[in-house]
């Protein structure tokens, strides 16, 4: 998936979000080693210092950790990853509900449309 970064938001935050999404979606599994800062910076087409800042923030949050000889690895704390997944889902749902409200849909209409779409998806 290409790294579509938006200049209207801090790049390091967008990188953090992208890596979190990659973890939650299974691109990186618990215990997996992340590519090096330079490799990730090349993939994202950003300065290595920006990538380093994003990875440091992910480390600070506990989602990744450093091992002296192995680089950065994904946490194996399943409860933390489940919490992250729920948190990201809630953010997407909140944004969806805000947009539907802006379009003038009532809660009942949103629920009906969502249920209809879920039926069609199966």
Protein backbone atom coordinates (compact mmCIF):
# COMPACT_ATOMS: atom_id res chain seq x y z
CA UNK A 1 0.00 0.00 0.00
CA UNK A 2 1.49 3.40 -0.95
CA UNK A 3 2.32 5.91 1.76
CA UNK A 4 -0.12 8.72 0.98
CA UNK A 5 1.05 11.44 3.34
CA UNK A 6 -0.86 14.71 3.72
CA UNK A 7 1.07 17.96 4.19
CA UNK A 8 -1.73 19.38 6.35
CA UNK A 9 -0.90 17.09 9.30
CA UNK A 10 2.42 16.26 10.98
CA UNK A 11 4.15 13.61 8.85
CA UNK A 12 5.48 11.64 11.84
CA UNK A 13 1.92 11.22 13.19
CA UNK A 14 0.74 9.93 9.81
CA UNK A 15 3.66 7.50 9.77
CA UNK A 16 2.72 6.29 13.25
CA UNK A 17 -0.88 5.78 12.14
CA UNK A 18 0.24 3.88 9.05
CA UNK A 19 2.50 1.55 11.04
CA UNK A 20 -0.26 1.00 13.62
CA UNK A 21 -2.66 0.12 10.80
CA UNK A 22 -0.08 -2.26 9.32
CA UNK A 23 0.23 -3.96 12.71
CA UNK A 24 -3.52 -4.23 13.25
CA UNK A 25 -4.16 -5.49 9.71
CA UNK A 26 -1.50 -8.19 10.02
CA UNK A 27 1.21 -6.80 7.74
CA UNK A 28 3.42 -6.97 10.84
CA UNK A 29 2.60 -9.65 13.38
CA UNK A 30 3.35 -9.65 17.12
CA UNK A 31 7.07 -10.28 17.58
CA UNK A 32 7.94 -9.38 13.96
CA UNK A 33 10.97 -7.20 13.31
CA UNK A 34 10.29 -3.87 11.65
CA UNK A 35 12.45 -2.83 8.71
CA UNK A 36 15.25 -0.41 9.58
CA UNK A 37 14.66 3.32 9.89
CA UNK A 38 16.39 3.86 6.54
CA UNK A 39 14.34 1.18 4.79
CA UNK A 40 11.06 2.56 6.12
CA UNK A 41 12.12 6.14 5.29
CA UNK A 42 12.84 5.09 1.71
CA UNK A 43 9.47 3.31 1.43
CA UNK A 44 7.63 6.36 2.77
CA UNK A 45 9.83 8.85 0.90
CA UNK A 46 10.55 10.82 4.07
CA UNK A 47 13.65 11.98 5.90
CA UNK A 48 15.10 9.26 8.18
CA UNK A 49 14.88 11.71 11.12
CA UNK A 50 11.12 11.94 10.61
CA UNK A 51 10.83 8.15 10.54
CA UNK A 52 13.03 7.92 13.66
CA UNK A 53 10.70 10.31 15.49
CA UNK A 54 7.63 8.25 14.53
CA UNK A 55 9.27 4.99 15.63
CA UNK A 56 10.44 6.55 18.90
CA UNK A 57 6.86 7.63 19.63
CA UNK A 58 5.60 4.12 18.86
CA UNK A 59 8.25 2.79 21.24
CA UNK A 60 7.18 5.24 23.92
CA UNK A 61 3.60 3.96 23.57
CA UNK A 62 4.78 0.36 23.88
CA UNK A 63 3.53 -0.82 20.50
CA UNK A 64 7.09 -1.51 19.38
CA UNK A 65 10.22 -2.12 21.42
CA UNK A 66 13.93 -2.15 20.72
CA UNK A 67 16.19 -5.11 21.10
CA UNK A 68 19.84 -4.19 21.00
CA UNK A 69 20.90 -6.72 18.37
CA UNK A 70 17.57 -7.23 16.57
CA UNK A 71 16.27 -3.72 15.93
CA UNK A 72 12.65 -2.79 16.60
CA UNK A 73 10.04 -5.46 17.13
CA UNK A 74 6.25 -5.44 17.41
CA UNK A 75 4.89 -5.97 20.90
CA UNK A 76 3.57 -9.41 21.72
CA UNK A 77 1.10 -7.93 24.23
CA UNK A 78 -2.19 -9.13 22.68
CA UNK A 79 -4.32 -7.00 25.02
CA UNK A 80 -2.46 -3.85 23.95
CA UNK A 81 -2.94 -4.73 20.28
CA UNK A 82 -6.63 -5.49 20.84
CA UNK A 83 -7.02 -2.14 22.60
CA UNK A 84 -5.26 -0.38 19.70
CA UNK A 85 -7.54 -2.11 17.20
CA UNK A 86 -10.65 -1.07 19.14
CA UNK A 87 -9.37 2.49 19.49
CA UNK A 88 -8.72 2.79 15.75
CA UNK A 89 -12.14 1.30 14.95
CA UNK A 90 -13.85 3.80 17.27
CA UNK A 91 -12.04 6.69 15.54
CA UNK A 92 -13.25 5.48 12.12
CA UNK A 93 -16.80 4.99 13.38
CA UNK A 94 -16.82 8.46 14.95
CA UNK A 95 -15.63 10.05 11.68
CA UNK A 96 -18.24 8.05 9.72
CA UNK A 97 -21.05 9.18 12.05
CA UNK A 98 -19.91 12.80 11.84
CA UNK A 99 -19.93 12.66 8.04
CA UNK A 100 -23.35 11.01 7.93
CA UNK A 101 -24.67 13.69 10.29
CA UNK A 102 -23.28 16.38 7.96
CA UNK A 103 -25.16 14.69 5.12
CA UNK A 104 -28.36 15.05 7.16
CA UNK A 105 -29.01 11.41 8.05
CA UNK A 106 -30.77 10.53 11.29
CA UNK A 107 -29.40 7.78 13.56
CA UNK A 108 -32.18 5.48 12.39
CA UNK A 109 -31.34 6.13 8.73
CA UNK A 110 -27.64 5.55 9.39
CA UNK A 111 -28.41 2.25 11.11
CA UNK A 112 -30.72 1.12 8.28
CA UNK A 113 -28.17 2.03 5.58
CA UNK A 114 -25.36 0.34 7.48
CA UNK A 115 -27.38 -2.84 7.97
CA UNK A 116 -28.29 -2.85 4.29
CA UNK A 117 -24.64 -2.48 3.29
CA UNK A 118 -23.61 -5.26 5.66
CA UNK A 119 -26.16 -7.61 4.09
CA UNK A 120 -24.88 -6.77 0.60
CA UNK A 121 -21.26 -7.30 1.68
CA UNK A 122 -21.93 -10.93 2.57
